[in-house]
């Protein structure tokens, strides 16, 4: 792998994402505080009552995409997909309805445990749908930059099973949970499985997530970087990867980043072997799937 110099925006210059330098500093402090709570478990169980508009439903996967209002002390208003447990709660839910739901946050899960229709949306916004790439499809190639400033192509990992996810370092909720789940998996892999497995995380926010920022994020969460690559790159290159994997991503005018939560297991031949929407894939399940793919 060759070394690549990566452009880093001047924090004090014209590029001031998420509302300028002062707002960005406050946002980073707030998000670090959330990450510390998640990592240390000082608040192992929080619940929030939230209002929003349903944009898409996938009852078979226990998933609902909601444009939700601000969740004070946790997440700004954004659109994202949530796990719903049990999935039967989605029987009366359809795109375009206004809902009130209970969101439960634990150290390793973020799920809706109750949801009810309170009205209908009168806007003209069309339903979003879930467009994530399907299982058995070839995994789209990429060439991005890792936390050491070196390029990495997916094809270089052929012969190993790749656990691929999409995160960003300033994510207030689901991304740290997702990374923590995958760290737990990495730590429990048997040596023979570990030798044939690579972890890859692609940033959804390349304008901010330089290799340095990704390394800080990874080290703070205990990722073993000997077998885990955190990738970024020029915004157009990252956008191309995100689009080809079908990861919904939208930056609102205020800087909020809406995104789909999805993880993939890519087999040794470079095909999508498993696809997981949301966060309901504990380390035990991932390990079973890995061992099955490698058998």
Protein backbone atom coordinates (compact mmCIF):
# COMPACT_ATOMS: atom_id res chain seq x y z
CA UNK A 1 0.00 0.00 0.00
CA UNK A 2 1.40 3.38 -0.95
CA UNK A 3 1.38 6.45 1.25
CA UNK A 4 -0.99 9.22 0.23
CA UNK A 5 -0.96 12.77 1.51
CA UNK A 6 -4.47 13.66 2.60
CA UNK A 7 -5.83 17.19 2.44
CA UNK A 8 -6.90 18.51 5.84
CA UNK A 9 -9.06 21.60 6.09
CA UNK A 10 -7.82 24.50 8.21
CA UNK A 11 -9.94 24.41 11.38
CA UNK A 12 -9.58 28.18 11.69
CA UNK A 13 -10.15 28.92 8.00
CA UNK A 14 -13.16 29.14 5.78
CA UNK A 15 -14.24 25.54 6.28
CA UNK A 16 -16.20 25.49 9.52
CA UNK A 17 -18.66 22.57 9.43
CA UNK A 18 -21.61 22.36 11.78
CA UNK A 19 -21.99 26.08 12.39
CA UNK A 20 -18.47 27.52 12.60
CA UNK A 21 -15.43 27.06 14.82
CA UNK A 22 -17.09 27.90 18.14
CA UNK A 23 -20.17 25.82 17.42
CA UNK A 24 -17.97 22.98 16.20
CA UNK A 25 -15.93 23.10 19.41
CA UNK A 26 -19.07 22.99 21.54
CA UNK A 27 -20.41 20.14 19.40
CA UNK A 28 -17.22 18.12 19.74
CA UNK A 29 -17.24 18.58 23.53
CA UNK A 30 -20.88 17.48 23.70
CA UNK A 31 -20.30 14.44 21.51
CA UNK A 32 -17.22 13.45 23.49
CA UNK A 33 -19.33 13.60 26.63
CA UNK A 34 -21.87 11.24 25.05
CA UNK A 35 -19.08 8.90 23.98
CA UNK A 36 -17.67 8.84 27.51
CA UNK A 37 -21.07 7.96 28.92
CA UNK A 38 -21.44 5.13 26.42
CA UNK A 39 -17.94 3.83 27.00
CA UNK A 40 -17.98 4.02 30.78
CA UNK A 41 -21.54 2.91 31.28
CA UNK A 42 -22.29 5.63 33.84
CA UNK A 43 -25.83 5.71 32.51
CA UNK A 44 -26.50 2.21 31.30
CA UNK A 45 -30.17 2.76 30.48
CA UNK A 46 -31.90 5.90 29.20
CA UNK A 47 -35.33 6.28 27.60
CA UNK A 48 -36.68 9.19 25.56
CA UNK A 49 -40.18 10.07 24.32
CA UNK A 50 -39.80 11.33 20.77
CA UNK A 51 -42.02 12.64 17.97
CA UNK A 52 -41.37 12.17 14.28
CA UNK A 53 -42.60 11.35 10.78
CA UNK A 54 -42.14 7.86 9.31
CA UNK A 55 -40.25 7.86 6.02
CA UNK A 56 -39.84 4.11 5.42
CA UNK A 57 -40.73 0.76 7.00
CA UNK A 58 -39.13 -2.66 6.65
CA UNK A 59 -41.13 -4.83 9.04
CA UNK A 60 -39.29 -8.03 8.08
CA UNK A 61 -36.01 -6.47 9.26
CA UNK A 62 -37.57 -4.71 12.25
CA UNK A 63 -36.56 -1.34 10.81
CA UNK A 64 -38.25 2.03 10.56
CA UNK A 65 -36.79 5.25 9.16
CA UNK A 66 -38.04 8.33 11.00
CA UNK A 67 -37.46 12.06 10.60
CA UNK A 68 -37.48 12.81 14.32
CA UNK A 69 -37.44 15.94 16.39
CA UNK A 70 -34.60 17.01 18.64
CA UNK A 71 -33.88 14.59 21.51
CA UNK A 72 -32.57 16.93 24.23
CA UNK A 73 -29.31 15.81 25.73
CA UNK A 74 -28.77 13.09 23.14
CA UNK A 75 -29.36 13.74 19.42
CA UNK A 76 -30.37 16.69 17.25
CA UNK A 77 -33.31 16.40 14.89
CA UNK A 78 -32.38 14.11 12.00
CA UNK A 79 -33.58 11.25 9.80
CA UNK A 80 -32.24 7.78 10.55
CA UNK A 81 -33.27 4.14 10.75
CA UNK A 82 -34.09 2.57 14.10
CA UNK A 83 -34.37 -1.00 15.33
CA UNK A 84 -37.88 -1.82 16.56
CA UNK A 85 -38.23 -4.54 19.20
CA UNK A 86 -40.46 -6.43 18.85
CA UNK A 87 -40.87 -5.98 15.09
CA UNK A 88 -44.62 -6.62 15.45
CA UNK A 89 -44.92 -3.00 16.68
CA UNK A 90 -44.63 -1.97 13.03
CA UNK A 91 -47.85 -3.70 11.93
CA UNK A 92 -49.86 -0.45 11.91
CA UNK A 93 -46.98 1.83 10.85
CA UNK A 94 -46.59 3.11 7.30
CA UNK A 95 -44.69 5.92 5.58
CA UNK A 96 -46.25 9.33 5.99
CA UNK A 97 -47.70 8.92 9.48
CA UNK A 98 -46.72 11.01 12.45
CA UNK A 99 -45.68 8.92 15.42
CA UNK A 100 -44.67 9.18 19.04
CA UNK A 101 -42.20 6.57 20.14
CA UNK A 102 -40.15 5.44 23.10
CA UNK A 103 -36.44 5.21 22.34
CA UNK A 104 -34.36 3.06 24.66
CA UNK A 105 -30.60 3.59 24.79
CA UNK A 106 -28.22 1.15 26.43
CA UNK A 107 -24.46 0.74 26.09
CA UNK A 108 -24.83 -1.67 23.15
CA UNK A 109 -28.34 -1.02 21.80
CA UNK A 110 -30.51 1.82 20.55
CA UNK A 111 -34.05 0.62 19.87
CA UNK A 112 -37.70 1.68 19.73
CA UNK A 113 -39.73 -0.23 22.32
CA UNK A 114 -43.11 1.48 21.80
CA UNK A 115 -44.61 3.43 18.90
CA UNK A 116 -48.04 4.85 18.14
CA UNK A 117 -49.61 6.84 15.32
CA UNK A 118 -50.65 10.36 16.31
CA UNK A 119 -51.55 11.80 12.90
CA UNK A 120 -50.55 12.13 9.27
CA UNK A 121 -47.84 14.23 7.69
CA UNK A 122 -49.17 17.02 5.48
CA UNK A 123 -45.88 17.81 3.75
CA UNK A 124 -45.10 16.78 0.18
CA UNK A 125 -41.95 14.82 1.11
CA UNK A 126 -41.85 11.46 -0.64
CA UNK A 127 -41.09 8.25 1.30
CA UNK A 128 -37.39 7.44 1.40
CA UNK A 129 -37.28 3.65 1.28
CA UNK A 130 -34.33 1.40 2.12
CA UNK A 131 -31.93 1.17 -0.83
CA UNK A 132 -29.03 -0.64 0.84
CA UNK A 133 -27.20 -3.10 -1.43
CA UNK A 134 -28.54 -6.65 -1.17
CA UNK A 135 -26.96 -9.86 0.03
CA UNK A 136 -25.18 -11.97 -2.61
CA UNK A 137 -24.36 -8.87 -4.68
CA UNK A 138 -20.69 -8.18 -5.43
CA UNK A 139 -19.27 -5.76 -2.89
CA UNK A 140 -18.42 -2.50 -4.70
CA UNK A 141 -14.69 -1.78 -4.91
CA UNK A 142 -13.18 1.24 -3.20
CA UNK A 143 -9.81 2.94 -2.87
CA UNK A 144 -9.66 5.15 0.23
CA UNK A 145 -7.20 6.37 2.87
CA UNK A 146 -6.73 4.74 6.28
CA UNK A 147 -5.88 6.17 9.70
CA UNK A 148 -2.18 6.03 8.81
CA UNK A 149 -2.58 8.03 5.59
CA UNK A 150 -2.11 4.95 3.40
CA UNK A 151 -4.41 3.88 0.60
CA UNK A 152 -6.42 0.68 0.90
CA UNK A 153 -8.47 -1.05 -1.79
CA UNK A 154 -11.15 -3.59 -0.95
CA UNK A 155 -9.61 -5.97 -3.49
CA UNK A 156 -6.43 -6.10 -1.37
CA UNK A 157 -8.44 -7.92 1.30
CA UNK A 158 -9.61 -10.74 -0.99
CA UNK A 159 -9.24 -14.08 0.79
CA UNK A 160 -10.42 -12.66 4.11
CA UNK A 161 -13.92 -11.97 5.40
CA UNK A 162 -14.43 -8.21 5.76
CA UNK A 163 -16.74 -6.65 8.32
CA UNK A 164 -17.64 -3.29 6.76
CA UNK A 165 -19.55 -0.49 8.45
CA UNK A 166 -20.13 3.24 7.96
CA UNK A 167 -19.59 5.71 10.81
CA UNK A 168 -18.45 9.25 11.53
CA UNK A 169 -16.50 10.51 14.50
CA UNK A 170 -18.93 13.25 15.59
CA UNK A 171 -21.96 10.95 15.54
CA UNK A 172 -23.92 11.53 18.77
CA UNK A 173 -25.44 8.09 19.25
CA UNK A 174 -25.53 5.07 16.94
CA UNK A 175 -21.96 5.15 15.58
CA UNK A 176 -20.19 4.76 18.95
CA UNK A 177 -22.60 1.93 19.81
CA UNK A 178 -21.91 0.23 16.46
CA UNK A 179 -18.15 0.54 16.88
CA UNK A 180 -18.33 -0.77 20.46
CA UNK A 181 -20.25 -3.85 19.25
CA UNK A 182 -17.61 -4.56 16.62
CA UNK A 183 -14.78 -3.99 19.12
CA UNK A 184 -16.42 -6.60 21.37
CA UNK A 185 -16.51 -8.99 18.40
CA UNK A 186 -12.87 -8.31 17.51
CA UNK A 187 -11.77 -9.12 21.05
CA UNK A 188 -13.53 -12.49 21.18
CA UNK A 189 -12.49 -13.87 17.79
CA UNK A 190 -10.71 -17.23 18.03
CA UNK A 191 -7.16 -16.95 16.63
CA UNK A 192 -7.96 -18.94 13.48
CA UNK A 193 -10.98 -16.72 12.70
CA UNK A 194 -9.12 -13.51 13.60
CA UNK A 195 -6.36 -14.38 11.13
CA UNK A 196 -8.93 -14.49 8.31
CA UNK A 197 -11.01 -11.44 9.28
CA UNK A 198 -10.56 -7.71 8.60
CA UNK A 199 -12.58 -4.84 9.99
CA UNK A 200 -13.21 -1.75 7.86
CA UNK A 201 -15.08 1.44 8.81
CA UNK A 202 -15.77 4.11 6.18
CA UNK A 203 -16.38 7.67 7.35
CA UNK A 204 -19.61 9.35 6.33
CA UNK A 205 -18.07 12.77 7.07
CA UNK A 206 -14.79 13.03 5.12
CA UNK A 207 -14.80 16.83 5.33
CA UNK A 208 -14.03 16.50 9.04
CA UNK A 209 -12.79 12.92 9.48
CA UNK A 210 -9.13 13.10 8.53
CA UNK A 211 -6.89 10.10 9.20
CA UNK A 212 -5.85 11.77 12.47
CA UNK A 213 -9.46 12.16 13.64
CA UNK A 214 -10.27 8.57 12.71
CA UNK A 215 -7.26 7.27 14.62
CA UNK A 216 -8.34 9.22 17.71
CA UNK A 217 -11.87 7.84 17.43
CA UNK A 218 -10.61 4.27 16.96
CA UNK A 219 -8.11 4.36 19.81
CA UNK A 220 -10.63 5.92 22.19
CA UNK A 221 -12.92 2.92 21.62
CA UNK A 222 -10.29 0.24 21.88
CA UNK A 223 -10.17 -0.91 18.25
CA UNK A 224 -7.13 -3.05 17.41
CA UNK A 225 -5.77 -1.23 14.37
CA UNK A 226 -3.60 -4.16 13.35
CA UNK A 227 -6.68 -5.66 11.70
CA UNK A 228 -9.04 -2.67 11.48
CA UNK A 229 -8.89 0.13 8.92
CA UNK A 230 -10.79 3.39 9.40
CA UNK A 231 -11.13 4.98 5.97
CA UNK A 232 -11.69 8.44 4.59
CA UNK A 233 -10.71 10.30 1.43
CA UNK A 234 -11.66 13.14 -0.85
CA UNK A 235 -15.39 13.88 -0.44
CA UNK A 236 -16.26 12.87 -4.02
CA UNK A 237 -14.49 9.51 -3.61
CA UNK A 238 -16.24 8.77 -0.31
CA UNK A 239 -19.61 9.85 -1.74
CA UNK A 240 -19.16 7.38 -4.59
CA UNK A 241 -18.56 4.50 -2.15
CA UNK A 242 -21.52 5.49 0.01
CA UNK A 243 -23.81 5.69 -3.03
CA UNK A 244 -22.74 2.32 -4.43
CA UNK A 245 -23.41 0.59 -1.10
CA UNK A 246 -26.80 2.32 -0.89
CA UNK A 247 -26.08 4.09 2.38
CA UNK A 248 -28.50 6.99 2.67
CA UNK A 249 -26.69 10.16 3.74
CA UNK A 250 -27.92 13.74 3.76
CA UNK A 251 -26.40 16.82 5.35
CA UNK A 252 -29.02 19.32 6.46
CA UNK A 253 -28.44 23.10 6.17
CA UNK A 254 -27.58 23.24 9.89
CA UNK A 255 -24.85 20.62 9.39
CA UNK A 256 -26.74 17.67 10.86
CA UNK A 257 -25.81 14.43 9.10
CA UNK A 258 -28.70 12.05 8.46
CA UNK A 259 -27.63 8.52 7.59
CA UNK A 260 -28.57 4.87 7.30
CA UNK A 261 -27.07 2.43 9.80
CA UNK A 262 -25.84 -0.64 7.93
CA UNK A 263 -23.13 -3.27 8.31
CA UNK A 264 -21.93 -5.87 5.80
CA UNK A 265 -20.01 -9.12 5.95
CA UNK A 266 -18.11 -9.55 2.68
CA UNK A 267 -16.96 -13.09 1.95
CA UNK A 268 -13.53 -14.21 0.78
CA UNK A 269 -14.62 -13.90 -2.88
CA UNK A 270 -15.77 -10.30 -2.48
CA UNK A 271 -19.55 -10.78 -2.30
CA UNK A 272 -22.04 -9.48 0.27
CA UNK A 273 -22.64 -12.55 2.47
CA UNK A 274 -24.63 -10.85 5.23
CA UNK A 275 -26.32 -7.47 5.57
CA UNK A 276 -27.41 -5.99 8.89
CA UNK A 277 -29.59 -2.90 9.18
CA UNK A 278 -29.50 -1.07 12.49
CA UNK A 279 -27.70 -2.18 15.63
CA UNK A 280 -29.43 -5.46 16.49
CA UNK A 281 -26.55 -7.75 15.57
CA UNK A 282 -24.72 -8.66 18.79
CA UNK A 283 -21.15 -10.03 18.77
CA UNK A 284 -22.38 -13.59 19.28
CA UNK A 285 -24.44 -13.48 16.09
CA UNK A 286 -21.63 -11.89 14.10
CA UNK A 287 -19.22 -14.57 15.31
CA UNK A 288 -21.59 -17.36 14.28
CA UNK A 289 -22.01 -15.80 10.84
CA UNK A 290 -18.26 -15.33 10.45
CA UNK A 291 -17.57 -18.95 11.33
CA UNK A 292 -20.26 -20.12 8.92
CA UNK A 293 -18.83 -18.05 6.06
CA UNK A 294 -15.31 -19.29 6.77
CA UNK A 295 -16.28 -22.95 7.15
